Amino acid sequence: MTRVLVVDDEPQILRALRINLVARHYEVAVATDGGSALRGAADWHPDLVVLDLGLPDIDGVDVIHGLRGWTTVPIIVLSGRSGNQDKIDALDAGADDYVTKPFSIDELLARIRAVSRRASIHAGELAHIQLGDHAIDLVSKTVTGGVRLTPTEWHLLEILLRNPGKLVSQRQLLTQVWGSEFVTATHYVRQYMAQLRRKLEKDPGRPVHLITEPGMGYRFSP
């Protein structure tokens, strides 16, 4: 069952979308502001996000940036903002599609189906990743060689694996794995990266795949 996170501060829209999506066999969670959306995405790992831009705490474009720091989950913007610059800003931030309010539920459902099809193809490409001697399956959450990872280790590793070669900042990792209130707790990242290296690198003291960029963040080198 496809998981959809709907983020909007209008109760009527949340209710209408939940009813229509559940009727079509989607599993639905809702959030009414940006902070709870980011936390919900990190905890629940939805397959798709439907996101309003005009949220009471964090602008929707900033929510997109926050999500794109660690996940490629498809994002469909559903917004009353109809200006071209608003659309450009959302798409440049990483949104996959943009639907303007007022909207047709049938059109939105068609957009959800189309984006989900594209995402399933992309997920298949990313499902199996080689890290040294270990084959990692991001769908079934398994690692060859009898390696067992904790949920936090999985979350941290997945962010890096889904951004091969890209520098991921400490702030991004702390925000997405632990929450925005932990942005200064850099020792959390160091501790868990050390654990991942002990489990996955041939020589944890000289890692070649899970790389530290001093003072900036971390990088997965395939």
N, C-alpha and C. Protein backbone atom coordinates (compact mmCIF):
# COMPACT_ATOMS: atom_id res chain seq x y z
N MET A 1 0.84 -1.19 0.00
CA MET A 1 0.00 0.00 0.00
C MET A 1 0.88 1.25 0.00
N THR A 2 0.59 2.17 -0.93
CA THR A 2 1.38 3.40 -1.04
C THR A 2 1.06 4.35 0.11
N ARG A 3 2.12 4.85 0.74
CA ARG A 3 1.96 5.79 1.86
C ARG A 3 2.03 7.22 1.35
N VAL A 4 1.02 8.03 1.69
CA VAL A 4 0.99 9.43 1.27
C VAL A 4 0.91 10.32 2.50
N LEU A 5 1.84 11.26 2.60
CA LEU A 5 1.80 12.27 3.66
C LEU A 5 1.22 13.54 3.06
N VAL A 6 0.09 14.00 3.61
CA VAL A 6 -0.57 15.22 3.14
C VAL A 6 -0.29 16.33 4.14
N VAL A 7 0.26 17.44 3.64
CA VAL A 7 0.64 18.56 4.51
C VAL A 7 -0.14 19.80 4.10
N ASP A 8 -1.05 20.24 4.96
CA ASP A 8 -1.88 21.41 4.66
C ASP A 8 -2.46 21.92 5.97
N ASP A 9 -2.64 23.23 6.10
CA ASP A 9 -3.21 23.77 7.33
C ASP A 9 -4.71 24.02 7.22
N GLU A 10 -5.34 23.58 6.12
CA GLU A 10 -6.78 23.73 5.94
C GLU A 10 -7.46 22.40 6.26
N PRO A 11 -8.24 22.33 7.36
CA PRO A 11 -8.86 21.06 7.76
C PRO A 11 -9.75 20.44 6.69
N GLN A 12 -10.46 21.29 5.93
CA GLN A 12 -11.37 20.75 4.91
C GLN A 12 -10.60 20.02 3.82
N ILE A 13 -9.46 20.58 3.43
CA ILE A 13 -8.65 19.94 2.38
C ILE A 13 -8.05 18.64 2.90
N LEU A 14 -7.55 18.66 4.14
CA LEU A 14 -6.99 17.44 4.72
C LEU A 14 -8.04 16.34 4.74
N ARG A 15 -9.26 16.70 5.18
CA ARG A 15 -10.33 15.70 5.28
C ARG A 15 -10.70 15.16 3.90
N ALA A 16 -10.84 16.05 2.92
CA ALA A 16 -11.23 15.62 1.58
C ALA A 16 -10.17 14.71 0.95
N LEU A 17 -8.92 15.09 1.12
CA LEU A 17 -7.85 14.28 0.54
C LEU A 17 -7.73 12.93 1.25
N ARG A 18 -7.87 12.93 2.56
CA ARG A 18 -7.79 11.66 3.28
C ARG A 18 -8.89 10.71 2.81
N ILE A 19 -10.12 11.21 2.72
CA ILE A 19 -11.25 10.37 2.31
C ILE A 19 -11.02 9.80 0.91
N ASN A 20 -10.61 10.67 -0.02
CA ASN A 20 -10.44 10.23 -1.41
C ASN A 20 -9.27 9.28 -1.58
N LEU A 21 -8.18 9.52 -0.86
CA LEU A 21 -7.01 8.65 -0.98
C LEU A 21 -7.25 7.30 -0.32
N VAL A 22 -7.84 7.30 0.86
CA VAL A 22 -8.13 6.03 1.54
C VAL A 22 -9.10 5.20 0.71
N ALA A 23 -10.08 5.86 0.07
CA ALA A 23 -11.04 5.13 -0.77
C ALA A 23 -10.36 4.44 -1.95
N ARG A 24 -9.18 4.95 -2.32
CA ARG A 24 -8.43 4.35 -3.44
C ARG A 24 -7.24 3.53 -2.93
N HIS A 25 -7.32 3.14 -1.67
CA HIS A 25 -6.39 2.18 -1.06
C HIS A 25 -4.99 2.74 -0.83
N TYR A 26 -4.90 4.05 -0.61
CA TYR A 26 -3.65 4.64 -0.14
C TYR A 26 -3.67 4.67 1.39
N GLU A 27 -2.49 4.56 1.99
CA GLU A 27 -2.35 4.76 3.42
C GLU A 27 -1.97 6.22 3.63
N VAL A 28 -2.71 6.93 4.49
CA VAL A 28 -2.58 8.38 4.58
C VAL A 28 -2.19 8.83 5.99
N ALA A 29 -1.25 9.76 6.05
CA ALA A 29 -0.94 10.49 7.28
C ALA A 29 -1.04 11.97 6.94
N VAL A 30 -1.36 12.81 7.96
CA VAL A 30 -1.51 14.23 7.70
C VAL A 30 -0.64 15.04 8.65
N ALA A 31 -0.29 16.25 8.20
CA ALA A 31 0.44 17.20 9.03
C ALA A 31 -0.10 18.58 8.72
N THR A 32 -0.16 19.44 9.73
CA THR A 32 -0.73 20.77 9.55
C THR A 32 0.30 21.89 9.53
N ASP A 33 1.57 21.55 9.70
CA ASP A 33 2.62 22.57 9.62
C ASP A 33 3.92 21.93 9.14
N GLY A 34 4.90 22.77 8.84
CA GLY A 34 6.14 22.28 8.27
C GLY A 34 6.97 21.44 9.21
N GLY A 35 7.02 21.84 10.48
CA GLY A 35 7.81 21.08 11.45
C GLY A 35 7.31 19.67 11.61
N SER A 36 5.99 19.51 11.77
CA SER A 36 5.44 18.17 11.92
C SER A 36 5.54 17.38 10.62
N ALA A 37 5.54 18.07 9.49
CA ALA A 37 5.72 17.38 8.21
C ALA A 37 7.11 16.76 8.11
N LEU A 38 8.14 17.53 8.49
CA LEU A 38 9.50 17.02 8.43
C LEU A 38 9.70 15.86 9.40
N ARG A 39 9.15 16.01 10.61
CA ARG A 39 9.27 14.92 11.59
C ARG A 39 8.49 13.69 11.12
N GLY A 40 7.29 13.91 10.58
CA GLY A 40 6.48 12.80 10.11
C GLY A 40 7.14 12.05 8.97
N ALA A 41 7.75 12.80 8.05
CA ALA A 41 8.43 12.15 6.93
C ALA A 41 9.60 11.32 7.42
N ALA A 42 10.34 11.85 8.40
CA ALA A 42 11.51 11.12 8.93
C ALA A 42 11.09 9.86 9.67
N ASP A 43 9.97 9.93 10.41
CA ASP A 43 9.53 8.78 11.20
C ASP A 43 8.77 7.75 10.39
N TRP A 44 7.98 8.22 9.42
CA TRP A 44 7.01 7.35 8.73
C TRP A 44 7.50 6.90 7.35
N HIS A 45 8.42 7.63 6.76
CA HIS A 45 8.97 7.32 5.43
C HIS A 45 7.86 7.13 4.39
N PRO A 46 7.12 8.19 4.07
CA PRO A 46 6.05 8.07 3.07
C PRO A 46 6.63 7.79 1.68
N ASP A 47 5.77 7.26 0.81
CA ASP A 47 6.16 7.03 -0.58
C ASP A 47 5.94 8.27 -1.43
N LEU A 48 5.13 9.22 -0.92
CA LEU A 48 4.82 10.44 -1.67
C LEU A 48 4.33 11.50 -0.69
N VAL A 49 4.65 12.76 -0.97
CA VAL A 49 4.21 13.88 -0.13
C VAL A 49 3.39 14.85 -0.97
N VAL A 50 2.21 15.22 -0.47
CA VAL A 50 1.40 16.28 -1.07
C VAL A 50 1.53 17.48 -0.13
N LEU A 51 2.05 18.59 -0.63
CA LEU A 51 2.51 19.67 0.24
C LEU A 51 1.95 21.03 -0.16
N ASP A 52 1.31 21.70 0.81
CA ASP A 52 0.90 23.09 0.64
C ASP A 52 2.12 23.98 0.91
N LEU A 53 2.20 25.14 0.25
CA LEU A 53 3.33 26.04 0.48
C LEU A 53 3.07 27.02 1.61
N GLY A 54 1.81 27.43 1.80
CA GLY A 54 1.49 28.44 2.79
C GLY A 54 1.24 27.85 4.17
N LEU A 55 2.29 27.39 4.80
CA LEU A 55 2.15 26.76 6.12
C LEU A 55 2.40 27.77 7.22
N PRO A 56 1.87 27.55 8.42
CA PRO A 56 1.96 28.57 9.47
C PRO A 56 3.33 28.78 10.09
N ASP A 57 4.21 27.79 10.00
CA ASP A 57 5.51 27.93 10.68
C ASP A 57 6.69 28.01 9.73
N ILE A 58 6.74 27.13 8.76
CA ILE A 58 7.85 27.09 7.80
C ILE A 58 7.27 27.17 6.40
N ASP A 59 7.85 28.00 5.57
CA ASP A 59 7.38 28.07 4.19
C ASP A 59 7.56 26.72 3.51
N GLY A 60 6.61 26.36 2.65
CA GLY A 60 6.65 25.06 2.00
C GLY A 60 7.91 24.82 1.19
N VAL A 61 8.47 25.88 0.59
CA VAL A 61 9.71 25.71 -0.17
C VAL A 61 10.84 25.27 0.75
N ASP A 62 10.86 25.80 1.97
CA ASP A 62 11.88 25.38 2.93
C ASP A 62 11.66 23.94 3.38
N VAL A 63 10.41 23.52 3.44
CA VAL A 63 10.12 22.11 3.75
C VAL A 63 10.66 21.21 2.64
N ILE A 64 10.48 21.64 1.39
CA ILE A 64 11.02 20.86 0.27
C ILE A 64 12.54 20.75 0.40
N HIS A 65 13.20 21.87 0.69
CA HIS A 65 14.66 21.83 0.87
C HIS A 65 15.03 20.85 2.00
N GLY A 66 14.27 20.90 3.09
CA GLY A 66 14.55 20.00 4.21
C GLY A 66 14.41 18.55 3.83
N LEU A 67 13.38 18.22 3.08
CA LEU A 67 13.19 16.84 2.64
C LEU A 67 14.28 16.42 1.66
N ARG A 68 14.61 17.31 0.75
CA ARG A 68 15.59 16.94 -0.27
C ARG A 68 17.00 16.79 0.31
N GLY A 69 17.19 17.23 1.54
CA GLY A 69 18.48 17.00 2.18
C GLY A 69 18.76 15.54 2.44
N TRP A 70 17.71 14.70 2.43
CA TRP A 70 17.94 13.29 2.77
C TRP A 70 17.08 12.29 2.00
N THR A 71 16.08 12.75 1.25
CA THR A 71 15.21 11.78 0.60
C THR A 71 14.83 12.22 -0.81
N THR A 72 14.57 11.26 -1.66
CA THR A 72 14.11 11.53 -3.03
C THR A 72 12.61 11.29 -3.15
N VAL A 73 11.90 11.18 -2.01
CA VAL A 73 10.46 10.93 -2.05
C VAL A 73 9.78 11.94 -2.98
N PRO A 74 8.88 11.48 -3.85
CA PRO A 74 8.18 12.43 -4.73
C PRO A 74 7.37 13.44 -3.93
N ILE A 75 7.41 14.70 -4.37
CA ILE A 75 6.68 15.78 -3.71
C ILE A 75 5.79 16.47 -4.73
N ILE A 76 4.49 16.49 -4.47
CA ILE A 76 3.54 17.23 -5.30
C ILE A 76 3.09 18.45 -4.49
N VAL A 77 3.37 19.63 -5.00
CA VAL A 77 2.93 20.85 -4.34
C VAL A 77 1.46 21.09 -4.69
N LEU A 78 0.67 21.41 -3.67
CA LEU A 78 -0.75 21.73 -3.83
C LEU A 78 -0.94 23.08 -3.18
N SER A 79 -1.03 24.14 -3.99
CA SER A 79 -0.91 25.48 -3.40
C SER A 79 -1.85 26.48 -4.05
N GLY A 80 -2.23 27.49 -3.26
CA GLY A 80 -3.01 28.60 -3.79
C GLY A 80 -2.15 29.61 -4.50
N ARG A 81 -0.84 29.48 -4.41
CA ARG A 81 0.06 30.39 -5.10
C ARG A 81 0.14 29.99 -6.58
N SER A 82 -0.30 30.89 -7.44
CA SER A 82 -0.36 30.54 -8.86
C SER A 82 0.67 31.27 -9.71
N GLY A 83 1.51 32.10 -9.07
CA GLY A 83 2.51 32.84 -9.84
C GLY A 83 3.61 31.95 -10.38
N ASN A 84 4.15 32.33 -11.53
CA ASN A 84 5.20 31.53 -12.15
C ASN A 84 6.42 31.40 -11.25
N GLN A 85 6.79 32.48 -10.54
CA GLN A 85 7.99 32.41 -9.69
C GLN A 85 7.79 31.44 -8.55
N ASP A 86 6.57 31.37 -7.99
CA ASP A 86 6.30 30.40 -6.93
C ASP A 86 6.50 28.97 -7.44
N LYS A 87 6.02 28.73 -8.66
CA LYS A 87 6.19 27.39 -9.24
C LYS A 87 7.66 27.09 -9.49
N ILE A 88 8.36 28.07 -10.03
CA ILE A 88 9.79 27.88 -10.32
C ILE A 88 10.56 27.61 -9.03
N ASP A 89 10.27 28.38 -7.97
CA ASP A 89 10.97 28.20 -6.70
C ASP A 89 10.73 26.79 -6.14
N ALA A 90 9.48 26.33 -6.21
CA ALA A 90 9.16 25.00 -5.67
C ALA A 90 9.81 23.90 -6.49
N LEU A 91 9.78 24.02 -7.81
CA LEU A 91 10.37 23.00 -8.67
C LEU A 91 11.90 23.01 -8.55
N ASP A 92 12.48 24.21 -8.47
CA ASP A 92 13.94 24.29 -8.29
C ASP A 92 14.37 23.70 -6.95
N ALA A 93 13.52 23.82 -5.93
CA ALA A 93 13.85 23.26 -4.62
C ALA A 93 13.79 21.73 -4.61
N GLY A 94 13.08 21.16 -5.60
CA GLY A 94 13.04 19.70 -5.68
C GLY A 94 11.66 19.09 -5.77
N ALA A 95 10.60 19.93 -5.90
CA ALA A 95 9.26 19.37 -6.09
C ALA A 95 9.17 18.67 -7.43
N ASP A 96 8.33 17.64 -7.50
CA ASP A 96 8.17 16.88 -8.74
C ASP A 96 7.01 17.38 -9.60
N ASP A 97 6.03 18.04 -8.97
CA ASP A 97 4.86 18.52 -9.71
C ASP A 97 4.22 19.64 -8.91
N TYR A 98 3.35 20.41 -9.58
CA TYR A 98 2.74 21.58 -8.94
C TYR A 98 1.29 21.67 -9.39
N VAL A 99 0.36 21.60 -8.43
CA VAL A 99 -1.07 21.71 -8.71
C VAL A 99 -1.59 22.94 -7.98
N THR A 100 -2.33 23.79 -8.69
CA THR A 100 -2.83 25.04 -8.12
C THR A 100 -4.24 24.86 -7.58
N LYS A 101 -4.47 25.42 -6.39
CA LYS A 101 -5.82 25.46 -5.82
C LYS A 101 -6.61 26.60 -6.48
N PRO A 102 -7.94 26.45 -6.63
CA PRO A 102 -8.73 25.24 -6.39
C PRO A 102 -8.38 24.17 -7.41
N PHE A 103 -8.52 22.91 -7.03
CA PHE A 103 -8.06 21.83 -7.88
C PHE A 103 -9.14 20.76 -8.05
N SER A 104 -8.97 19.98 -9.08
CA SER A 104 -9.84 18.83 -9.32
C SER A 104 -9.22 17.62 -8.63
N ILE A 105 -9.98 16.92 -7.82
CA ILE A 105 -9.45 15.75 -7.14
C ILE A 105 -9.03 14.68 -8.15
N ASP A 106 -9.74 14.58 -9.25
CA ASP A 106 -9.38 13.58 -10.27
C ASP A 106 -8.04 13.92 -10.91
N GLU A 107 -7.80 15.22 -11.14
CA GLU A 107 -6.51 15.63 -11.71
C GLU A 107 -5.38 15.34 -10.72
N LEU A 108 -5.61 15.67 -9.44
CA LEU A 108 -4.58 15.42 -8.43
C LEU A 108 -4.27 13.93 -8.33
N LEU A 109 -5.29 13.10 -8.34
CA LEU A 109 -5.07 11.65 -8.28
C LEU A 109 -4.29 11.16 -9.49
N ALA A 110 -4.57 11.73 -10.66
CA ALA A 110 -3.82 11.35 -11.87
C ALA A 110 -2.36 11.76 -11.74
N ARG A 111 -2.12 12.95 -11.17
CA ARG A 111 -0.73 13.39 -10.96
C ARG A 111 -0.02 12.48 -9.96
N ILE A 112 -0.73 12.06 -8.92
CA ILE A 112 -0.15 11.15 -7.94
C ILE A 112 0.23 9.83 -8.59
N ARG A 113 -0.63 9.30 -9.43
CA ARG A 113 -0.33 8.03 -10.11
C ARG A 113 0.88 8.18 -11.03
N ALA A 114 0.94 9.30 -11.76
CA ALA A 114 2.05 9.51 -12.70
C ALA A 114 3.38 9.64 -11.97
N VAL A 115 3.39 10.44 -10.90
CA VAL A 115 4.63 10.64 -10.14
C VAL A 115 5.05 9.34 -9.47
N SER A 116 4.09 8.57 -8.97
CA SER A 116 4.39 7.29 -8.32
C SER A 116 5.03 6.32 -9.32
N ARG A 117 4.53 6.31 -10.56
CA ARG A 117 5.12 5.42 -11.58
C ARG A 117 6.57 5.79 -11.84
N ARG A 118 6.84 7.09 -11.97
CA ARG A 118 8.22 7.52 -12.22
C ARG A 118 9.11 7.17 -11.04
N ALA A 119 8.58 7.34 -9.84
CA ALA A 119 9.37 7.07 -8.64
C ALA A 119 9.69 5.59 -8.50
N SER A 120 8.76 4.73 -8.89
CA SER A 120 9.00 3.29 -8.75
C SER A 120 10.13 2.83 -9.66
N ILE A 121 10.23 3.45 -10.83
CA ILE A 121 11.35 3.14 -11.74
C ILE A 121 12.66 3.59 -11.12
N HIS A 122 12.65 4.81 -10.57
CA HIS A 122 13.87 5.35 -9.94
C HIS A 122 14.26 4.53 -8.72
N ALA A 123 13.27 4.12 -7.94
CA ALA A 123 13.55 3.32 -6.74
C ALA A 123 14.20 2.00 -7.11
N GLY A 124 13.77 1.43 -8.23
CA GLY A 124 14.37 0.18 -8.66
C GLY A 124 15.84 0.34 -8.98
N GLU A 125 16.19 1.52 -9.52
CA GLU A 125 17.60 1.77 -9.83
C GLU A 125 18.43 1.94 -8.56
N LEU A 126 17.79 2.50 -7.50
CA LEU A 126 18.52 2.77 -6.26
C LEU A 126 18.42 1.66 -5.24
N ALA A 127 17.60 0.65 -5.53
CA ALA A 127 17.30 -0.35 -4.51
C ALA A 127 18.55 -1.07 -4.02
N HIS A 128 19.46 -1.41 -4.94
CA HIS A 128 20.63 -2.20 -4.58
C HIS A 128 21.90 -1.37 -4.80
N ILE A 129 22.62 -1.16 -3.74
CA ILE A 129 23.83 -0.34 -3.78
C ILE A 129 24.98 -1.13 -3.19
N GLN A 130 26.12 -1.07 -3.86
CA GLN A 130 27.31 -1.76 -3.38
C GLN A 130 28.16 -0.80 -2.56
N LEU A 131 28.51 -1.24 -1.35
CA LEU A 131 29.42 -0.47 -0.50
C LEU A 131 30.53 -1.41 -0.09
N GLY A 132 31.66 -1.32 -0.79
CA GLY A 132 32.76 -2.24 -0.52
C GLY A 132 32.32 -3.68 -0.79
N ASP A 133 32.48 -4.53 0.20
CA ASP A 133 32.10 -5.94 0.05
C ASP A 133 30.62 -6.20 0.34
N HIS A 134 29.88 -5.17 0.69
CA HIS A 134 28.50 -5.34 1.12
C HIS A 134 27.52 -4.85 0.06
N ALA A 135 26.50 -5.66 -0.22
CA ALA A 135 25.39 -5.25 -1.06
C ALA A 135 24.26 -4.79 -0.14
N ILE A 136 23.80 -3.57 -0.36
CA ILE A 136 22.78 -2.98 0.50
C ILE A 136 21.49 -2.82 -0.29
N ASP A 137 20.40 -3.34 0.27
CA ASP A 137 19.08 -3.23 -0.33
C ASP A 137 18.27 -2.23 0.47
N LEU A 138 18.00 -1.07 -0.13
CA LEU A 138 17.29 -0.01 0.59
C LEU A 138 15.79 -0.28 0.71
N VAL A 139 15.28 -1.20 -0.10
CA VAL A 139 13.85 -1.52 -0.03
C VAL A 139 13.57 -2.51 1.09
N SER A 140 14.33 -3.61 1.10
CA SER A 140 14.11 -4.63 2.13
C SER A 140 14.90 -4.36 3.41
N LYS A 141 15.75 -3.31 3.38
CA LYS A 141 16.57 -2.94 4.54
C LYS A 141 17.46 -4.11 4.98
N THR A 142 18.25 -4.61 4.04
CA THR A 142 19.16 -5.70 4.36
C THR A 142 20.57 -5.38 3.86
N VAL A 143 21.56 -5.96 4.55
CA VAL A 143 22.96 -5.82 4.18
C VAL A 143 23.57 -7.22 4.16
N THR A 144 24.28 -7.54 3.10
CA THR A 144 24.91 -8.85 3.03
C THR A 144 26.04 -8.95 4.05
N GLY A 145 26.45 -10.17 4.33
CA GLY A 145 27.54 -10.40 5.27
C GLY A 145 27.09 -10.46 6.71
N GLY A 146 25.78 -10.62 6.93
CA GLY A 146 25.27 -10.73 8.28
C GLY A 146 25.30 -9.44 9.08
N VAL A 147 25.40 -8.30 8.40
CA VAL A 147 25.45 -7.01 9.09
C VAL A 147 24.04 -6.60 9.53
N ARG A 148 23.92 -6.16 10.76
CA ARG A 148 22.65 -5.67 11.29
C ARG A 148 22.80 -4.20 11.66
N LEU A 149 21.86 -3.38 11.20
CA LEU A 149 21.90 -1.95 11.49
C LEU A 149 20.69 -1.55 12.32
N THR A 150 20.89 -0.59 13.22
CA THR A 150 19.78 -0.05 14.01
C THR A 150 18.96 0.88 13.12
N PRO A 151 17.71 1.22 13.52
CA PRO A 151 16.92 2.16 12.73
C PRO A 151 17.62 3.50 12.49
N THR A 152 18.30 4.01 13.50
CA THR A 152 19.01 5.28 13.33
C THR A 152 20.17 5.13 12.35
N GLU A 153 20.89 4.03 12.45
CA GLU A 153 21.98 3.78 11.49
C GLU A 153 21.43 3.69 10.07
N TRP A 154 20.30 3.02 9.89
CA TRP A 154 19.68 2.92 8.57
C TRP A 154 19.32 4.29 8.04
N HIS A 155 18.71 5.10 8.88
CA HIS A 155 18.26 6.43 8.45
C HIS A 155 19.44 7.27 7.99
N LEU A 156 20.50 7.27 8.78
CA LEU A 156 21.70 8.03 8.44
C LEU A 156 22.34 7.52 7.15
N LEU A 157 22.48 6.20 7.07
CA LEU A 157 23.11 5.60 5.89
C LEU A 157 22.29 5.86 4.63
N GLU A 158 20.97 5.77 4.74
CA GLU A 158 20.13 5.95 3.56
C GLU A 158 20.25 7.36 2.99
N ILE A 159 20.34 8.35 3.86
CA ILE A 159 20.52 9.72 3.37
C ILE A 159 21.78 9.83 2.52
N LEU A 160 22.87 9.25 3.00
CA LEU A 160 24.13 9.31 2.27
C LEU A 160 24.07 8.50 0.98
N LEU A 161 23.50 7.30 1.03
CA LEU A 161 23.47 6.44 -0.16
C LEU A 161 22.60 7.02 -1.26
N ARG A 162 21.55 7.74 -0.88
CA ARG A 162 20.66 8.34 -1.88
C ARG A 162 21.25 9.62 -2.48
N ASN A 163 22.41 10.03 -1.99
CA ASN A 163 23.08 11.22 -2.53
C ASN A 163 24.53 10.88 -2.86
N PRO A 164 24.79 9.89 -3.73
CA PRO A 164 26.16 9.45 -3.98
C PRO A 164 27.05 10.58 -4.49
N GLY A 165 28.21 10.71 -3.85
CA GLY A 165 29.17 11.72 -4.26
C GLY A 165 28.85 13.11 -3.77
N LYS A 166 27.67 13.32 -3.16
CA LYS A 166 27.24 14.65 -2.75
C LYS A 166 27.60 14.89 -1.29
N LEU A 167 28.11 16.08 -0.99
CA LEU A 167 28.38 16.46 0.39
C LEU A 167 27.06 16.72 1.10
N VAL A 168 26.84 16.01 2.20
CA VAL A 168 25.65 16.22 3.02
C VAL A 168 26.12 16.85 4.33
N SER A 169 25.59 18.02 4.65
CA SER A 169 26.09 18.75 5.81
C SER A 169 25.68 18.08 7.12
N GLN A 170 26.47 18.36 8.16
CA GLN A 170 26.12 17.87 9.49
C GLN A 170 24.74 18.38 9.89
N ARG A 171 24.45 19.62 9.58
CA ARG A 171 23.16 20.22 9.95
C ARG A 171 22.01 19.45 9.29
N GLN A 172 22.17 19.11 8.01
CA GLN A 172 21.12 18.34 7.31
C GLN A 172 20.90 17.00 8.00
N LEU A 173 21.98 16.32 8.30
CA LEU A 173 21.87 14.99 8.90
C LEU A 173 21.21 15.08 10.28
N LEU A 174 21.65 16.04 11.09
CA LEU A 174 21.08 16.18 12.43
C LEU A 174 19.60 16.53 12.37
N THR A 175 19.24 17.43 11.46
CA THR A 175 17.84 17.85 11.35
C THR A 175 16.96 16.69 10.90
N GLN A 176 17.41 15.94 9.91
CA GLN A 176 16.55 14.91 9.35
C GLN A 176 16.53 13.64 10.17
N VAL A 177 17.60 13.32 10.86
CA VAL A 177 17.63 12.07 11.63
C VAL A 177 17.14 12.29 13.06
N TRP A 178 17.55 13.39 13.67
CA TRP A 178 17.22 13.60 15.09
C TRP A 178 16.22 14.73 15.33
N GLY A 179 16.11 15.68 14.40
CA GLY A 179 15.19 16.80 14.58
C GLY A 179 15.93 18.13 14.70
N SER A 180 15.23 19.22 14.38
CA SER A 180 15.86 20.53 14.31
C SER A 180 16.43 21.00 15.65
N GLU A 181 15.89 20.45 16.76
CA GLU A 181 16.39 20.87 18.07
C GLU A 181 17.77 20.29 18.38
N PHE A 182 18.28 19.40 17.51
CA PHE A 182 19.57 18.75 17.76
C PHE A 182 20.66 19.23 16.79
N VAL A 183 20.46 20.40 16.17
CA VAL A 183 21.39 20.84 15.12
C VAL A 183 22.81 21.08 15.64
N THR A 184 22.98 21.27 16.95
CA THR A 184 24.33 21.49 17.48
C THR A 184 24.95 20.22 18.07
N ALA A 185 24.20 19.12 18.06
CA ALA A 185 24.69 17.87 18.69
C ALA A 185 25.53 17.08 17.68
N THR A 186 26.64 17.66 17.25
CA THR A 186 27.45 17.04 16.20
C THR A 186 28.05 15.70 16.65
N HIS A 187 28.15 15.51 17.97
CA HIS A 187 28.72 14.24 18.44
C HIS A 187 27.81 13.06 18.10
N TYR A 188 26.51 13.31 17.93
CA TYR A 188 25.60 12.24 17.53
C TYR A 188 26.02 11.67 16.18
N VAL A 189 26.28 12.56 15.22
CA VAL A 189 26.66 12.11 13.88
C VAL A 189 28.00 11.38 13.93
N ARG A 190 28.95 11.94 14.65
CA ARG A 190 30.28 11.30 14.73
C ARG A 190 30.16 9.89 15.30
N GLN A 191 29.37 9.75 16.35
CA GLN A 191 29.23 8.44 16.99
C GLN A 191 28.61 7.42 16.04
N TYR A 192 27.54 7.80 15.36
CA TYR A 192 26.86 6.84 14.48
C TYR A 192 27.65 6.58 13.20
N MET A 193 28.36 7.58 12.70
CA MET A 193 29.21 7.32 11.54
C MET A 193 30.32 6.35 11.90
N ALA A 194 30.87 6.47 13.10
CA ALA A 194 31.90 5.52 13.56
C ALA A 194 31.33 4.11 13.61
N GLN A 195 30.09 3.99 14.10
CA GLN A 195 29.45 2.67 14.16
C GLN A 195 29.25 2.09 12.76
N LEU A 196 28.79 2.92 11.82
CA LEU A 196 28.59 2.45 10.45
C LEU A 196 29.90 2.01 9.82
N ARG A 197 30.96 2.75 10.06
CA ARG A 197 32.25 2.37 9.49
C ARG A 197 32.75 1.05 10.06
N ARG A 198 32.54 0.84 11.36
CA ARG A 198 32.96 -0.44 11.96
C ARG A 198 32.22 -1.61 11.32
N LYS A 199 30.99 -1.38 10.92
CA LYS A 199 30.17 -2.46 10.36
C LYS A 199 30.37 -2.64 8.85
N LEU A 200 30.75 -1.55 8.14
CA LEU A 200 30.70 -1.61 6.68
C LEU A 200 32.04 -1.38 5.98
N GLU A 201 32.96 -0.70 6.61
CA GLU A 201 34.25 -0.42 5.96
C GLU A 201 35.26 -1.53 6.28
N LYS A 202 36.12 -1.85 5.32
CA LYS A 202 37.18 -2.84 5.56
C LYS A 202 38.12 -2.36 6.65
N ASP A 203 38.53 -1.09 6.57
CA ASP A 203 39.41 -0.49 7.57
C ASP A 203 38.70 0.75 8.11
N PRO A 204 37.96 0.60 9.22
CA PRO A 204 37.18 1.74 9.73
C PRO A 204 38.01 2.99 10.01
N GLY A 205 39.28 2.80 10.32
CA GLY A 205 40.14 3.95 10.59
C GLY A 205 40.54 4.70 9.34
N ARG A 206 40.42 4.03 8.19
CA ARG A 206 40.74 4.66 6.90
C ARG A 206 39.61 4.38 5.92
N PRO A 207 38.46 4.99 6.15
CA PRO A 207 37.28 4.71 5.31
C PRO A 207 37.48 5.19 3.88
N VAL A 208 36.93 4.43 2.95
CA VAL A 208 36.99 4.82 1.54
C VAL A 208 35.61 5.08 0.95
N HIS A 209 34.56 4.77 1.69
CA HIS A 209 33.19 4.97 1.19
C HIS A 209 32.40 5.98 2.02
N LEU A 210 32.53 5.93 3.33
CA LEU A 210 31.81 6.84 4.21
C LEU A 210 32.80 7.89 4.70
N ILE A 211 32.86 8.97 3.95
CA ILE A 211 33.94 9.94 4.08
C ILE A 211 33.51 11.14 4.91
N THR A 212 34.41 11.59 5.80
CA THR A 212 34.21 12.82 6.55
C THR A 212 34.86 13.98 5.80
N GLU A 213 34.10 15.05 5.61
CA GLU A 213 34.66 16.30 5.08
C GLU A 213 34.78 17.24 6.28
N PRO A 214 35.96 17.38 6.87
CA PRO A 214 36.12 18.10 8.14
C PRO A 214 35.47 19.48 8.14
N GLY A 215 34.68 19.69 9.19
CA GLY A 215 34.02 20.98 9.37
C GLY A 215 32.82 21.22 8.48
N MET A 216 32.52 20.26 7.58
CA MET A 216 31.41 20.48 6.64
C MET A 216 30.34 19.39 6.75
N GLY A 217 30.74 18.14 6.62
CA GLY A 217 29.74 17.08 6.64
C GLY A 217 30.32 15.75 6.21
N TYR A 218 29.50 14.97 5.49
CA TYR A 218 29.88 13.61 5.12
C TYR A 218 29.47 13.32 3.68
N ARG A 219 30.14 12.32 3.12
CA ARG A 219 29.91 11.99 1.72
C ARG A 219 30.00 10.48 1.53
N PHE A 220 29.08 9.92 0.72
CA PHE A 220 29.20 8.52 0.32
C PHE A 220 29.92 8.47 -1.01
N SER A 221 31.06 7.79 -1.02
CA SER A 221 31.85 7.61 -2.24
C SER A 221 31.66 6.19 -2.73
N PRO A 222 30.93 5.98 -3.83
CA PRO A 222 30.66 4.60 -4.31
C PRO A 222 31.94 3.85 -4.65
